[in-house]
Amino acid sequence: MGVVGTGLRLAQPADLQQGEYMRVRVYQPAKTAVQSGRRKTKYWIVEYEPNERREPDRLIGWIGSGDTDQQLQLRFPTREAAIDYCERNNLDYVVREPHRRVVKPKSYAENFISRL
């Protein structure tokens, strides 16, 4: 799932001055701690940084804000596709590189080796 050649351009808020850009984050999500699979870590996400504080509702107590840009998450197959989208739409982006996984090979027998 991703945005590929739709030709759509996101509307910028009226409070932005000429030459000012909306700020977005470009990142690759981390693997969840409760699952061993890594399927959801293969794509790159573009999401807007918050413009407003999140506050609890006085009546119900739910947390929310008037910033609807937070509801939007765009997925791209590659890092370059996400950056290209940001540049085409004049978005000020910050790329957060993923942490590389370090695999330490172990054998089951190492559990029973006594260490002094």
PDB file of N, CA and C in Angstrom:
ATOM      1  N   MET A   1       0.835  -1.166   0.000  1.00  0.00           N
ATOM      2  CA  MET A   1       0.000   0.000   0.000  1.00  0.00           C
ATOM      3  C   MET A   1       0.885   1.235   0.000  1.00  0.00           C
ATOM      4  N   GLY A   2       0.618   2.173  -0.852  1.00  0.00           N
ATOM      5  CA  GLY A   2       1.414   3.375  -0.907  1.00  0.00           C
ATOM      6  C   GLY A   2       0.814   4.348  -1.898  1.00  0.00           C
ATOM      7  N   VAL A   3       1.391   5.484  -1.978  1.00  0.00           N
ATOM      8  CA  VAL A   3       0.927   6.501  -2.904  1.00  0.00           C
ATOM      9  C   VAL A   3       1.854   6.468  -4.098  1.00  0.00           C
ATOM     10  N   VAL A   4       1.309   6.104  -5.248  1.00  0.00           N
ATOM     11  CA  VAL A   4       2.133   6.013  -6.443  1.00  0.00           C
ATOM     12  C   VAL A   4       1.455   6.802  -7.553  1.00  0.00           C
ATOM     13  N   GLY A   5       2.035   7.895  -7.932  1.00  0.00           N
ATOM     14  CA  GLY A   5       1.579   8.664  -9.080  1.00  0.00           C
ATOM     15  C   GLY A   5       0.136   9.103  -9.051  1.00  0.00           C
ATOM     16  N   THR A   6      -0.392   9.532  -7.914  1.00  0.00           N
ATOM     17  CA  THR A   6      -1.787   9.948  -7.861  1.00  0.00           C
ATOM     18  C   THR A   6      -1.990  11.348  -8.406  1.00  0.00           C
ATOM     19  N   GLY A   7      -0.940  12.151  -8.433  1.00  0.00           N
ATOM     20  CA  GLY A   7      -1.068  13.512  -8.920  1.00  0.00           C
ATOM     21  C   GLY A   7      -1.728  14.448  -7.923  1.00  0.00           C
ATOM     22  N   LEU A   8      -2.001  13.985  -6.709  1.00  0.00           N
ATOM     23  CA  LEU A   8      -2.624  14.822  -5.693  1.00  0.00           C
ATOM     24  C   LEU A   8      -1.581  15.672  -4.999  1.00  0.00           C
ATOM     25  N   ARG A   9      -1.955  16.865  -4.617  1.00  0.00           N
ATOM     26  CA  ARG A   9      -1.075  17.753  -3.870  1.00  0.00           C
ATOM     27  C   ARG A   9      -1.785  18.141  -2.593  1.00  0.00           C
ATOM     28  N   LEU A  10      -1.129  17.957  -1.474  1.00  0.00           N
ATOM     29  CA  LEU A  10      -1.730  18.278  -0.193  1.00  0.00           C
ATOM     30  C   LEU A  10      -1.833  19.793  -0.032  1.00  0.00           C
ATOM     31  N   ALA A  11      -2.957  20.246   0.495  1.00  0.00           N
ATOM     32  CA  ALA A  11      -3.153  21.671   0.726  1.00  0.00           C
ATOM     33  C   ALA A  11      -2.315  22.109   1.919  1.00  0.00           C
ATOM     34  N   GLN A  12      -1.689  23.253   1.804  1.00  0.00           N
ATOM     35  CA  GLN A  12      -0.896  23.795   2.896  1.00  0.00           C
ATOM     36  C   GLN A  12      -1.765  24.746   3.697  1.00  0.00           C
ATOM     37  N   PRO A  13      -1.576  24.816   5.029  1.00  0.00           N
ATOM     38  CA  PRO A  13      -2.380  25.706   5.842  1.00  0.00           C
ATOM     39  C   PRO A  13      -2.166  27.170   5.475  1.00  0.00           C
ATOM     40  N   ALA A  14      -3.187  27.971   5.701  1.00  0.00           N
ATOM     41  CA  ALA A  14      -3.136  29.387   5.332  1.00  0.00           C
ATOM     42  C   ALA A  14      -2.165  30.177   6.192  1.00  0.00           C
ATOM     43  N   ASP A  15      -1.804  29.658   7.375  1.00  0.00           N
ATOM     44  CA  ASP A  15      -0.924  30.416   8.262  1.00  0.00           C
ATOM     45  C   ASP A  15       0.547  30.329   7.875  1.00  0.00           C
ATOM     46  N   LEU A  16       0.891  29.536   6.862  1.00  0.00           N
ATOM     47  CA  LEU A  16       2.284  29.466   6.419  1.00  0.00           C
ATOM     48  C   LEU A  16       2.619  30.664   5.548  1.00  0.00           C
ATOM     49  N   GLN A  17       3.774  31.247   5.768  1.00  0.00           N
ATOM     50  CA  GLN A  17       4.233  32.380   4.976  1.00  0.00           C
ATOM     51  C   GLN A  17       4.877  31.860   3.688  1.00  0.00           C
ATOM     52  N   GLN A  18       5.086  32.737   2.743  1.00  0.00           N
ATOM     53  CA  GLN A  18       5.725  32.374   1.478  1.00  0.00           C
ATOM     54  C   GLN A  18       7.128  31.844   1.741  1.00  0.00           C
ATOM     55  N   GLY A  19       7.476  30.692   1.190  1.00  0.00           N
ATOM     56  CA  GLY A  19       8.795  30.111   1.375  1.00  0.00           C
ATOM     57  C   GLY A  19       8.896  29.224   2.611  1.00  0.00           C
ATOM     58  N   GLU A  20       7.849  29.156   3.416  1.00  0.00           N
ATOM     59  CA  GLU A  20       7.857  28.318   4.614  1.00  0.00           C
ATOM     60  C   GLU A  20       7.235  26.967   4.240  1.00  0.00           C
ATOM     61  N   TYR A  21       7.714  25.889   4.848  1.00  0.00           N
ATOM     62  CA  TYR A  21       7.250  24.559   4.477  1.00  0.00           C
ATOM     63  C   TYR A  21       6.650  23.832   5.668  1.00  0.00           C
ATOM     64  N   MET A  22       5.774  22.868   5.366  1.00  0.00           N
ATOM     65  CA  MET A  22       5.258  21.989   6.421  1.00  0.00           C
ATOM     66  C   MET A  22       6.346  20.967   6.728  1.00  0.00           C
ATOM     67  N   ARG A  23       6.505  20.612   7.982  1.00  0.00           N
ATOM     68  CA  ARG A  23       7.569  19.702   8.392  1.00  0.00           C
ATOM     69  C   ARG A  23       7.017  18.281   8.539  1.00  0.00           C
ATOM     70  N   VAL A  24       7.725  17.309   7.947  1.00  0.00           N
ATOM     71  CA  VAL A  24       7.328  15.904   8.021  1.00  0.00           C
ATOM     72  C   VAL A  24       8.516  15.048   8.447  1.00  0.00           C
ATOM     73  N   ARG A  25       8.201  13.863   8.934  1.00  0.00           N
ATOM     74  CA  ARG A  25       9.215  12.877   9.296  1.00  0.00           C
ATOM     75  C   ARG A  25       9.176  11.747   8.285  1.00  0.00           C
ATOM     76  N   VAL A  26      10.338  11.277   7.876  1.00  0.00           N
ATOM     77  CA  VAL A  26      10.454  10.124   6.980  1.00  0.00           C
ATOM     78  C   VAL A  26      11.239   9.081   7.761  1.00  0.00           C
ATOM     79  N   TYR A  27      10.614   7.923   7.985  1.00  0.00           N
ATOM     80  CA  TYR A  27      11.285   6.887   8.764  1.00  0.00           C
ATOM     81  C   TYR A  27      10.796   5.508   8.368  1.00  0.00           C
ATOM     82  N   GLN A  28      11.543   4.520   8.789  1.00  0.00           N
ATOM     83  CA  GLN A  28      11.181   3.121   8.599  1.00  0.00           C
ATOM     84  C   GLN A  28      10.799   2.581   9.969  1.00  0.00           C
ATOM     85  N   PRO A  29       9.580   2.041  10.138  1.00  0.00           N
ATOM     86  CA  PRO A  29       9.143   1.619  11.468  1.00  0.00           C
ATOM     87  C   PRO A  29       9.962   0.451  12.011  1.00  0.00           C
ATOM     88  N   ALA A  30      10.056   0.386  13.326  1.00  0.00           N
ATOM     89  CA  ALA A  30      10.783  -0.690  13.993  1.00  0.00           C
ATOM     90  C   ALA A  30       9.872  -1.898  14.174  1.00  0.00           C
ATOM     91  N   LYS A  31      10.472  -3.045  14.375  1.00  0.00           N
ATOM     92  CA  LYS A  31       9.731  -4.266  14.635  1.00  0.00           C
ATOM     93  C   LYS A  31       9.061  -4.165  16.000  1.00  0.00           C
ATOM     94  N   THR A  32       7.822  -4.636  16.082  1.00  0.00           N
ATOM     95  CA  THR A  32       7.147  -4.605  17.370  1.00  0.00           C
ATOM     96  C   THR A  32       7.787  -5.597  18.327  1.00  0.00           C
ATOM     97  N   ALA A  33       7.726  -5.318  19.602  1.00  0.00           N
ATOM     98  CA  ALA A  33       8.383  -6.160  20.598  1.00  0.00           C
ATOM     99  C   ALA A  33       7.661  -7.479  20.814  1.00  0.00           C
ATOM    100  N   VAL A  34       6.376  -7.542  20.540  1.00  0.00           N
ATOM    101  CA  VAL A  34       5.603  -8.747  20.842  1.00  0.00           C
ATOM    102  C   VAL A  34       5.514  -9.724  19.675  1.00  0.00           C
ATOM    103  N   GLN A  35       5.994  -9.329  18.506  1.00  0.00           N
ATOM    104  CA  GLN A  35       5.930 -10.207  17.341  1.00  0.00           C
ATOM    105  C   GLN A  35       7.344 -10.479  16.829  1.00  0.00           C
ATOM    106  N   SER A  36       7.540 -11.661  16.286  1.00  0.00           N
ATOM    107  CA  SER A  36       8.863 -11.989  15.766  1.00  0.00           C
ATOM    108  C   SER A  36       9.008 -11.622  14.289  1.00  0.00           C
ATOM    109  N   GLY A  37       7.898 -11.394  13.597  1.00  0.00           N
ATOM    110  CA  GLY A  37       7.957 -11.072  12.175  1.00  0.00           C
ATOM    111  C   GLY A  37       8.402  -9.643  11.931  1.00  0.00           C
ATOM    112  N   ARG A  38       8.933  -9.410  10.724  1.00  0.00           N
ATOM    113  CA  ARG A  38       9.418  -8.070  10.368  1.00  0.00           C
ATOM    114  C   ARG A  38       8.735  -7.534   9.116  1.00  0.00           C
ATOM    115  N   ARG A  39       7.540  -8.009   8.825  1.00  0.00           N
ATOM    116  CA  ARG A  39       6.855  -7.607   7.602  1.00  0.00           C
ATOM    117  C   ARG A  39       6.587  -6.108   7.546  1.00  0.00           C
ATOM    118  N   LYS A  40       6.168  -5.493   8.631  1.00  0.00           N
ATOM    119  CA  LYS A  40       5.785  -4.082   8.637  1.00  0.00           C
ATOM    120  C   LYS A  40       6.988  -3.137   8.702  1.00  0.00           C
ATOM    121  N   THR A  41       8.193  -3.681   8.612  1.00  0.00           N
ATOM    122  CA  THR A  41       9.381  -2.835   8.654  1.00  0.00           C
ATOM    123  C   THR A  41       9.997  -2.649   7.267  1.00  0.00           C
ATOM    124  N   LYS A  42       9.345  -3.125   6.231  1.00  0.00           N
ATOM    125  CA  LYS A  42       9.921  -3.087   4.894  1.00  0.00           C
ATOM    126  C   LYS A  42       9.616  -1.805   4.135  1.00  0.00           C
ATOM    127  N   TYR A  43       8.666  -0.997   4.579  1.00  0.00           N
ATOM    128  CA  TYR A  43       8.304   0.218   3.872  1.00  0.00           C
ATOM    129  C   TYR A  43       8.733   1.453   4.663  1.00  0.00           C
ATOM    130  N   TRP A  44       8.659   2.611   4.025  1.00  0.00           N
ATOM    131  CA  TRP A  44       9.021   3.887   4.647  1.00  0.00           C
ATOM    132  C   TRP A  44       7.766   4.709   4.846  1.00  0.00           C
ATOM    133  N   ILE A  45       7.689   5.449   5.939  1.00  0.00           N
ATOM    134  CA  ILE A  45       6.508   6.219   6.297  1.00  0.00           C
ATOM    135  C   ILE A  45       6.840   7.705   6.282  1.00  0.00           C
ATOM    136  N   VAL A  46       5.914   8.488   5.741  1.00  0.00           N
ATOM    137  CA  VAL A  46       5.981   9.948   5.805  1.00  0.00           C
ATOM    138  C   VAL A  46       4.800  10.388   6.665  1.00  0.00           C
ATOM    139  N   GLU A  47       5.090  11.093   7.759  1.00  0.00           N
ATOM    140  CA  GLU A  47       4.014  11.610   8.602  1.00  0.00           C
ATOM    141  C   GLU A  47       4.353  13.014   9.072  1.00  0.00           C
ATOM    142  N   TYR A  48       3.313  13.799   9.269  1.00  0.00           N
ATOM    143  CA  TYR A  48       3.481  15.197   9.662  1.00  0.00           C
ATOM    144  C   TYR A  48       3.834  15.306  11.133  1.00  0.00           C
ATOM    145  N   GLU A  49       4.675  16.283  11.446  1.00  0.00           N
ATOM    146  CA  GLU A  49       4.980  16.565  12.840  1.00  0.00           C
ATOM    147  C   GLU A  49       3.837  17.381  13.422  1.00  0.00           C
ATOM    148  N   PRO A  50       3.580  17.252  14.720  1.00  0.00           N
ATOM    149  CA  PRO A  50       2.426  17.938  15.312  1.00  0.00           C
ATOM    150  C   PRO A  50       2.575  19.465  15.280  1.00  0.00           C
ATOM    151  N   ASN A  51       1.445  20.133  15.009  1.00  0.00           N
ATOM    152  CA  ASN A  51       1.403  21.591  15.018  1.00  0.00           C
ATOM    153  C   ASN A  51       0.790  22.130  16.305  1.00  0.00           C
ATOM    154  N   GLU A  52       0.035  21.294  17.005  1.00  0.00           N
ATOM    155  CA  GLU A  52      -0.651  21.709  18.231  1.00  0.00           C
ATOM    156  C   GLU A  52      -0.369  20.731  19.354  1.00  0.00           C
ATOM    157  N   ARG A  53      -0.559  21.216  20.565  1.00  0.00           N
ATOM    158  CA  ARG A  53      -0.462  20.333  21.733  1.00  0.00           C
ATOM    159  C   ARG A  53      -1.669  19.419  21.790  1.00  0.00           C
ATOM    160  N   ARG A  54      -1.488  18.244  22.338  1.00  0.00           N
ATOM    161  CA  ARG A  54      -2.606  17.338  22.572  1.00  0.00           C
ATOM    162  C   ARG A  54      -3.082  17.545  24.001  1.00  0.00           C
ATOM    163  N   GLU A  55      -4.372  17.755  24.172  1.00  0.00           N
ATOM    164  CA  GLU A  55      -4.923  18.050  25.480  1.00  0.00           C
ATOM    165  C   GLU A  55      -6.109  17.147  25.764  1.00  0.00           C
ATOM    166  N   PRO A  56      -6.366  16.842  27.044  1.00  0.00           N
ATOM    167  CA  PRO A  56      -7.538  16.030  27.367  1.00  0.00           C
ATOM    168  C   PRO A  56      -8.833  16.833  27.231  1.00  0.00           C
ATOM    169  N   ASP A  57      -9.858  16.166  26.756  1.00  0.00           N
ATOM    170  CA  ASP A  57     -11.174  16.775  26.654  1.00  0.00           C
ATOM    171  C   ASP A  57     -11.752  16.938  28.056  1.00  0.00           C
ATOM    172  N   ARG A  58     -12.372  18.071  28.330  1.00  0.00           N
ATOM    173  CA  ARG A  58     -12.871  18.330  29.689  1.00  0.00           C
ATOM    174  C   ARG A  58     -14.030  17.430  30.065  1.00  0.00           C
ATOM    175  N   LEU A  59     -14.877  17.094  29.114  1.00  0.00           N
ATOM    176  CA  LEU A  59     -16.057  16.299  29.422  1.00  0.00           C
ATOM    177  C   LEU A  59     -15.760  14.800  29.478  1.00  0.00           C
ATOM    178  N   ILE A  60     -15.113  14.284  28.465  1.00  0.00           N
ATOM    179  CA  ILE A  60     -14.900  12.840  28.359  1.00  0.00           C
ATOM    180  C   ILE A  60     -13.531  12.416  28.861  1.00  0.00           C
ATOM    181  N   GLY A  61     -12.523  13.272  28.692  1.00  0.00           N
ATOM    182  CA  GLY A  61     -11.184  12.940  29.131  1.00  0.00           C
ATOM    183  C   GLY A  61     -10.312  12.340  28.053  1.00  0.00           C
ATOM    184  N   TRP A  62     -10.835  12.211  26.829  1.00  0.00           N
ATOM    185  CA  TRP A  62     -10.023  11.683  25.741  1.00  0.00           C
ATOM    186  C   TRP A  62      -8.969  12.693  25.336  1.00  0.00           C
ATOM    187  N   ILE A  63      -7.827  12.203  24.890  1.00  0.00           N
ATOM    188  CA  ILE A  63      -6.731  13.067  24.459  1.00  0.00           C
ATOM    189  C   ILE A  63      -6.909  13.366  22.971  1.00  0.00           C
ATOM    190  N   GLY A  64      -6.748  14.635  22.596  1.00  0.00           N
ATOM    191  CA  GLY A  64      -6.885  14.982  21.191  1.00  0.00           C
ATOM    192  C   GLY A  64      -6.418  16.394  20.923  1.00  0.00           C
ATOM    193  N   SER A  65      -6.455  16.767  19.644  1.00  0.00           N
ATOM    194  CA  SER A  65      -6.100  18.127  19.238  1.00  0.00           C
ATOM    195  C   SER A  65      -6.843  18.446  17.951  1.00  0.00           C
ATOM    196  N   GLY A  66      -6.750  19.672  17.516  1.00  0.00           N
ATOM    197  CA  GLY A  66      -7.392  20.088  16.276  1.00  0.00           C
ATOM    198  C   GLY A  66      -6.513  19.863  15.061  1.00  0.00           C
ATOM    199  N   ASP A  67      -5.353  19.266  15.248  1.00  0.00           N
ATOM    200  CA  ASP A  67      -4.400  19.044  14.164  1.00  0.00           C
ATOM    201  C   ASP A  67      -4.772  17.769  13.409  1.00  0.00           C
ATOM    202  N   THR A  68      -5.408  17.915  12.264  1.00  0.00           N
ATOM    203  CA  THR A  68      -5.836  16.733  11.504  1.00  0.00           C
ATOM    204  C   THR A  68      -4.723  16.135  10.656  1.00  0.00           C
ATOM    205  N   ASP A  69      -3.610  16.858  10.505  1.00  0.00           N
ATOM    206  CA  ASP A  69      -2.492  16.302   9.737  1.00  0.00           C
ATOM    207  C   ASP A  69      -1.886  15.082  10.425  1.00  0.00           C
ATOM    208  N   GLN A  70      -2.046  14.976  11.733  1.00  0.00           N
ATOM    209  CA  GLN A  70      -1.512  13.835  12.484  1.00  0.00           C
ATOM    210  C   GLN A  70      -2.189  12.525  12.096  1.00  0.00           C
ATOM    211  N   GLN A  71      -3.356  12.599  11.492  1.00  0.00           N
ATOM    212  CA  GLN A  71      -4.099  11.397  11.117  1.00  0.00           C
ATOM    213  C   GLN A  71      -3.597  10.782   9.811  1.00  0.00           C
ATOM    214  N   LEU A  72      -2.739  11.491   9.123  1.00  0.00           N
ATOM    215  CA  LEU A  72      -2.275  11.061   7.813  1.00  0.00           C
ATOM    216  C   LEU A  72      -0.918  10.384   7.907  1.00  0.00           C
ATOM    217  N   GLN A  73      -0.826   9.178   7.354  1.00  0.00           N
ATOM    218  CA  GLN A  73       0.431   8.439   7.268  1.00  0.00           C
ATOM    219  C   GLN A  73       0.548   7.895   5.856  1.00  0.00           C
ATOM    220  N   LEU A  74       1.592   8.266   5.156  1.00  0.00           N
ATOM    221  CA  LEU A  74       1.800   7.790   3.791  1.00  0.00           C
ATOM    222  C   LEU A  74       2.903   6.744   3.788  1.00  0.00           C
ATOM    223  N   ARG A  75       2.682   5.661   3.067  1.00  0.00           N
ATOM    224  CA  ARG A  75       3.676   4.578   2.980  1.00  0.00           C
ATOM    225  C   ARG A  75       4.283   4.545   1.587  1.00  0.00           C
ATOM    226  N   PHE A  76       5.584   4.306   1.557  1.00  0.00           N
ATOM    227  CA  PHE A  76       6.316   4.235   0.300  1.00  0.00           C
ATOM    228  C   PHE A  76       7.201   2.998   0.312  1.00  0.00           C
ATOM    229  N   PRO A  77       7.438   2.398  -0.856  1.00  0.00           N
ATOM    230  CA  PRO A  77       8.252   1.174  -0.900  1.00  0.00           C
ATOM    231  C   PRO A  77       9.734   1.417  -0.633  1.00  0.00           C
ATOM    232  N   THR A  78      10.232   2.620  -0.960  1.00  0.00           N
ATOM    233  CA  THR A  78      11.656   2.906  -0.763  1.00  0.00           C
ATOM    234  C   THR A  78      11.836   4.272  -0.106  1.00  0.00           C
ATOM    235  N   ARG A  79      13.019   4.477   0.416  1.00  0.00           N
ATOM    236  CA  ARG A  79      13.385   5.756   1.038  1.00  0.00           C
ATOM    237  C   ARG A  79      13.400   6.862  -0.015  1.00  0.00           C
ATOM    238  N   GLU A  80      13.927   6.553  -1.195  1.00  0.00           N
ATOM    239  CA  GLU A  80      14.027   7.537  -2.263  1.00  0.00           C
ATOM    240  C   GLU A  80      12.647   7.988  -2.738  1.00  0.00           C
ATOM    241  N   ALA A  81      11.673   7.067  -2.782  1.00  0.00           N
ATOM    242  CA  ALA A  81      10.311   7.430  -3.192  1.00  0.00           C
ATOM    243  C   ALA A  81       9.678   8.375  -2.179  1.00  0.00           C
ATOM    244  N   ALA A  82       9.925   8.159  -0.898  1.00  0.00           N
ATOM    245  CA  ALA A  82       9.383   9.029   0.144  1.00  0.00           C
ATOM    246  C   ALA A  82      10.010  10.416   0.071  1.00  0.00           C
ATOM    247  N   ILE A  83      11.319  10.479  -0.134  1.00  0.00           N
ATOM    248  CA  ILE A  83      12.001  11.768  -0.239  1.00  0.00           C
ATOM    249  C   ILE A  83      11.559  12.508  -1.501  1.00  0.00           C
ATOM    250  N   ASP A  84      11.383  11.787  -2.593  1.00  0.00           N
ATOM    251  CA  ASP A  84      10.930  12.396  -3.838  1.00  0.00           C
ATOM    252  C   ASP A  84       9.542  13.008  -3.663  1.00  0.00           C
ATOM    253  N   TYR A  85       8.656  12.328  -2.955  1.00  0.00           N
ATOM    254  CA  TYR A  85       7.319  12.852  -2.683  1.00  0.00           C
ATOM    255  C   TYR A  85       7.407  14.155  -1.884  1.00  0.00           C
ATOM    256  N   CYS A  86       8.267  14.183  -0.874  1.00  0.00           N
ATOM    257  CA  CYS A  86       8.421  15.384  -0.048  1.00  0.00           C
ATOM    258  C   CYS A  86       8.942  16.552  -0.871  1.00  0.00           C
ATOM    259  N   GLU A  87       9.892  16.298  -1.741  1.00  0.00           N
ATOM    260  CA  GLU A  87      10.462  17.369  -2.557  1.00  0.00           C
ATOM    261  C   GLU A  87       9.475  17.880  -3.604  1.00  0.00           C
ATOM    262  N   ARG A  88       8.683  16.977  -4.188  1.00  0.00           N
ATOM    263  CA  ARG A  88       7.680  17.395  -5.174  1.00  0.00           C
ATOM    264  C   ARG A  88       6.603  18.274  -4.555  1.00  0.00           C
ATOM    265  N   ASN A  89       6.270  18.015  -3.269  1.00  0.00           N
ATOM    266  CA  ASN A  89       5.202  18.750  -2.594  1.00  0.00           C
ATOM    267  C   ASN A  89       5.719  19.847  -1.672  1.00  0.00           C
ATOM    268  N   ASN A  90       6.975  20.229  -1.817  1.00  0.00           N
ATOM    269  CA  ASN A  90       7.596  21.303  -1.024  1.00  0.00           C
ATOM    270  C   ASN A  90       7.431  21.084   0.474  1.00  0.00           C
ATOM    271  N   LEU A  91       7.698  19.876   0.928  1.00  0.00           N
ATOM    272  CA  LEU A  91       7.618  19.550   2.349  1.00  0.00           C
ATOM    273  C   LEU A  91       9.020  19.564   2.940  1.00  0.00           C
ATOM    274  N   ASP A  92       9.176  20.186   4.083  1.00  0.00           N
ATOM    275  CA  ASP A  92      10.451  20.202   4.799  1.00  0.00           C
ATOM    276  C   ASP A  92      10.540  18.874   5.554  1.00  0.00           C
ATOM    277  N   TYR A  93      11.453  18.002   5.157  1.00  0.00           N
ATOM    278  CA  TYR A  93      11.487  16.650   5.718  1.00  0.00           C
ATOM    279  C   TYR A  93      12.748  16.390   6.519  1.00  0.00           C
ATOM    280  N   VAL A  94      12.619  15.461   7.470  1.00  0.00           N
ATOM    281  CA  VAL A  94      13.738  14.976   8.271  1.00  0.00           C
ATOM    282  C   VAL A  94      13.732  13.458   8.134  1.00  0.00           C
ATOM    283  N   VAL A  95      14.846  12.893   7.698  1.00  0.00           N
ATOM    284  CA  VAL A  95      14.946  11.440   7.515  1.00  0.00           C
ATOM    285  C   VAL A  95      15.581  10.840   8.764  1.00  0.00           C
ATOM    286  N   ARG A  96      14.900   9.885   9.342  1.00  0.00           N
ATOM    287  CA  ARG A  96      15.435   9.153  10.491  1.00  0.00           C
ATOM    288  C   ARG A  96      15.817   7.757  10.018  1.00  0.00           C
ATOM    289  N   GLU A  97      17.105   7.508  10.016  1.00  0.00           N
ATOM    290  CA  GLU A  97      17.608   6.212   9.542  1.00  0.00           C
ATOM    291  C   GLU A  97      17.274   5.127  10.563  1.00  0.00           C
ATOM    292  N   PRO A  98      16.932   3.928  10.099  1.00  0.00           N
ATOM    293  CA  PRO A  98      16.612   2.842  11.034  1.00  0.00           C
ATOM    294  C   PRO A  98      17.871   2.285  11.688  1.00  0.00           C
ATOM    295  N   HIS A  99      17.696   1.759  12.879  1.00  0.00           N
ATOM    296  CA  HIS A  99      18.792   1.073  13.557  1.00  0.00           C
ATOM    297  C   HIS A  99      18.932  -0.302  12.937  1.00  0.00           C
ATOM    298  N   ARG A 100      20.149  -0.686  12.650  1.00  0.00           N
ATOM    299  CA  ARG A 100      20.380  -2.000  12.058  1.00  0.00           C
ATOM    300  C   ARG A 100      20.361  -3.058  13.142  1.00  0.00           C
ATOM    301  N   ARG A 101      19.782  -4.177  12.785  1.00  0.00           N
ATOM    302  CA  ARG A 101      19.635  -5.284  13.714  1.00  0.00           C
ATOM    303  C   ARG A 101      20.960  -6.015  13.855  1.00  0.00           C
ATOM    304  N   VAL A 102      21.360  -6.299  15.088  1.00  0.00           N
ATOM    305  CA  VAL A 102      22.581  -7.040  15.363  1.00  0.00           C
ATOM    306  C   VAL A 102      22.176  -8.438  15.809  1.00  0.00           C
ATOM    307  N   VAL A 103      22.568  -9.430  15.036  1.00  0.00           N
ATOM    308  CA  VAL A 103      22.230 -10.815  15.357  1.00  0.00           C
ATOM    309  C   VAL A 103      23.473 -11.478  15.928  1.00  0.00           C
ATOM    310  N   LYS A 104      23.353 -11.961  17.172  1.00  0.00           N
ATOM    311  CA  LYS A 104      24.453 -12.673  17.805  1.00  0.00           C
ATOM    312  C   LYS A 104      24.148 -14.164  17.727  1.00  0.00           C
ATOM    313  N   PRO A 105      24.897 -14.904  16.927  1.00  0.00           N
ATOM    314  CA  PRO A 105      24.612 -16.332  16.802  1.00  0.00           C
ATOM    315  C   PRO A 105      24.892 -17.058  18.121  1.00  0.00           C
ATOM    316  N   LYS A 106      23.928 -17.851  18.536  1.00  0.00           N
ATOM    317  CA  LYS A 106      24.062 -18.639  19.761  1.00  0.00           C
ATOM    318  C   LYS A 106      23.604 -20.054  19.482  1.00  0.00           C
ATOM    319  N   SER A 107      24.074 -20.953  20.293  1.00  0.00           N
ATOM    320  CA  SER A 107      23.585 -22.317  20.197  1.00  0.00           C
ATOM    321  C   SER A 107      22.896 -22.664  21.515  1.00  0.00           C
ATOM    322  N   TYR A 108      22.059 -23.649  21.473  1.00  0.00           N
ATOM    323  CA  TYR A 108      21.317 -24.061  22.655  1.00  0.00           C
ATOM    324  C   TYR A 108      22.265 -24.565  23.750  1.00  0.00           C
ATOM    325  N   ALA A 109      23.382 -25.147  23.354  1.00  0.00           N
ATOM    326  CA  ALA A 109      24.330 -25.698  24.319  1.00  0.00           C
ATOM    327  C   ALA A 109      24.970 -24.616  25.190  1.00  0.00           C
ATOM    328  N   GLU A 110      25.003 -23.377  24.709  1.00  0.00           N
ATOM    329  CA  GLU A 110      25.599 -22.302  25.505  1.00  0.00           C
ATOM    330  C   GLU A 110      24.819 -22.025  26.784  1.00  0.00           C
ATOM    331  N   ASN A 111      23.586 -22.434  26.867  1.00  0.00           N
ATOM    332  CA  ASN A 111      22.806 -22.249  28.091  1.00  0.00           C
ATOM    333  C   ASN A 111      23.332 -23.087  29.250  1.00  0.00           C
ATOM    334  N   PHE A 112      24.053 -24.148  28.953  1.00  0.00           N
ATOM    335  CA  PHE A 112      24.495 -25.083  29.994  1.00  0.00           C
ATOM    336  C   PHE A 112      25.990 -25.002  30.269  1.00  0.00           C
ATOM    337  N   ILE A 113      26.689 -24.096  29.647  1.00  0.00           N
ATOM    338  CA  ILE A 113      28.113 -23.928  29.902  1.00  0.00           C
ATOM    339  C   ILE A 113      28.265 -23.113  31.187  1.00  0.00           C
ATOM    340  N   SER A 114      29.030 -23.652  32.126  1.00  0.00           N
ATOM    341  CA  SER A 114      29.220 -22.896  33.360  1.00  0.00           C
ATOM    342  C   SER A 114      30.334 -21.904  33.168  1.00  0.00           C
ATOM    343  N   ARG A 115      30.057 -20.690  33.550  1.00  0.00           N
ATOM    344  CA  ARG A 115      31.046 -19.636  33.422  1.00  0.00           C
ATOM    345  C   ARG A 115      31.598 -19.317  34.804  1.00  0.00           C
ATOM    346  N   LEU A 116      32.891 -19.129  34.877  1.00  0.00           N
ATOM    347  CA  LEU A 116      33.513 -18.847  36.170  1.00  0.00           C
ATOM    348  C   LEU A 116      33.621 -17.391  36.427  1.00  0.00           C
TER     349      LEU A 116
END
